[in-house]
Amino acid sequence: MEEKIKNLIKDYEKFAQENGLKLNPDKKIVENIIKAMLKKEELLGERYCPCRRTSGDIEKDKDIICPCKMCTREVEDNGHCHCNLFVK
């Protein structure tokens, strides 16, 4: 599990760099968010953002697979995404 968390942190750091974002500098928050995502993935089959509610409709819920489609806009508008994984 720890190896999977480390790999996801690297993936999300890369995503952040490619999209003009930063990963939250608080490593504990990042780990907790990723653990919550992995739990949702275990239960629902996808790595949904932990702060989003799923509807059960796979097509409708595809937009909330992390990093979700609202992420970049939320960071621009609020300085962070809804779950606080990505920041300005």
Protein backbone atom coordinates (compact mmCIF):
# COMPACT_ATOMS: atom_id res chain seq x y z
CA MET A 1 0.00 0.00 0.00
CA GLU A 2 2.81 2.43 0.87
CA GLU A 3 4.46 1.83 -2.50
CA LYS A 4 1.17 2.54 -4.28
CA ILE A 5 0.79 5.79 -2.31
CA LYS A 6 4.33 6.89 -3.25
CA ASN A 7 3.69 6.13 -6.91
CA LEU A 8 0.42 8.07 -6.90
CA ILE A 9 2.14 11.04 -5.25
CA LYS A 10 4.69 11.02 -8.09
CA ASP A 11 1.89 10.78 -10.67
CA TYR A 12 -0.03 13.66 -9.10
CA GLU A 13 3.14 15.77 -8.80
CA LYS A 14 3.69 15.26 -12.54
CA PHE A 15 0.05 16.15 -13.29
CA ALA A 16 0.39 19.28 -11.15
CA GLN A 17 3.54 20.42 -12.95
CA GLU A 18 2.01 19.80 -16.37
CA ASN A 19 -1.08 21.84 -15.44
CA GLY A 20 0.48 24.79 -13.62
CA LEU A 21 -0.56 23.49 -10.19
CA LYS A 22 1.23 22.29 -7.09
CA LEU A 23 0.57 19.35 -4.85
CA ASN A 24 -0.45 20.42 -1.36
CA PRO A 25 2.81 20.96 0.57
CA ASP A 26 1.37 19.21 3.64
CA LYS A 27 2.47 15.61 3.02
CA LYS A 28 0.09 14.22 5.66
CA ILE A 29 -2.92 15.80 3.96
CA VAL A 30 -1.77 14.42 0.60
CA GLU A 31 -1.36 10.92 2.04
CA ASN A 32 -4.78 11.04 3.69
CA ILE A 33 -6.46 12.18 0.47
CA ILE A 34 -4.76 9.45 -1.52
CA LYS A 35 -5.71 6.81 1.05
CA ALA A 36 -9.33 7.97 0.76
CA MET A 37 -9.11 7.72 -3.04
CA LEU A 38 -7.70 4.22 -2.83
CA LYS A 39 -10.52 3.22 -0.49
CA LYS A 40 -13.08 4.49 -3.03
CA GLU A 41 -11.21 2.67 -5.78
CA GLU A 42 -11.41 -0.54 -3.75
CA LEU A 43 -15.14 -0.10 -3.16
CA LEU A 44 -16.23 1.41 -6.49
CA GLY A 45 -13.61 0.34 -9.01
CA GLU A 46 -12.35 3.84 -9.84
CA ARG A 47 -10.19 6.37 -8.06
CA TYR A 48 -12.92 8.95 -7.51
CA CYS A 49 -12.10 12.21 -5.78
CA PRO A 50 -12.80 11.59 -2.09
CA CYS A 51 -14.66 14.89 -1.79
CA ARG A 52 -17.17 14.08 -4.54
CA ARG A 53 -20.32 12.01 -4.31
CA THR A 54 -20.76 9.28 -6.84
CA SER A 55 -24.13 8.69 -8.45
CA GLY A 56 -23.57 5.06 -9.41
CA ASP A 57 -23.83 6.02 -13.09
CA ILE A 58 -20.40 5.16 -14.52
CA GLU A 59 -20.76 7.54 -17.47
CA LYS A 60 -21.89 10.45 -15.27
CA ASP A 61 -19.23 9.78 -12.62
CA LYS A 62 -16.29 9.66 -15.06
CA ASP A 63 -15.79 13.41 -14.57
CA ILE A 64 -15.01 12.93 -10.88
CA ILE A 65 -12.17 10.46 -11.28
CA CYS A 66 -9.14 12.15 -9.77
CA PRO A 67 -7.79 14.43 -11.01
CA CYS A 68 -11.33 15.49 -11.78
CA LYS A 69 -12.37 17.91 -14.50
CA MET A 70 -13.16 20.66 -11.98
CA CYS A 71 -9.69 20.57 -10.42
CA THR A 72 -7.90 23.24 -12.48
CA ARG A 73 -10.82 25.66 -12.38
CA GLU A 74 -11.22 25.24 -8.62
CA VAL A 75 -7.53 25.96 -8.04
CA GLU A 76 -7.79 29.10 -10.20
CA ASP A 77 -10.95 30.27 -8.41
CA ASN A 78 -10.20 29.20 -4.82
CA GLY A 79 -6.46 28.61 -4.61
CA HIS A 80 -7.05 24.86 -4.15
CA CYS A 81 -9.21 22.07 -5.47
CA HIS A 82 -12.21 20.94 -3.47
CA CYS A 83 -10.36 18.19 -1.58
CA ASN A 84 -7.19 20.32 -1.21
CA LEU A 85 -4.90 17.88 -3.04
CA PHE A 86 -3.85 20.54 -5.56
CA VAL A 87 -3.07 24.16 -4.75
CA LYS A 88 -1.81 27.30 -6.52
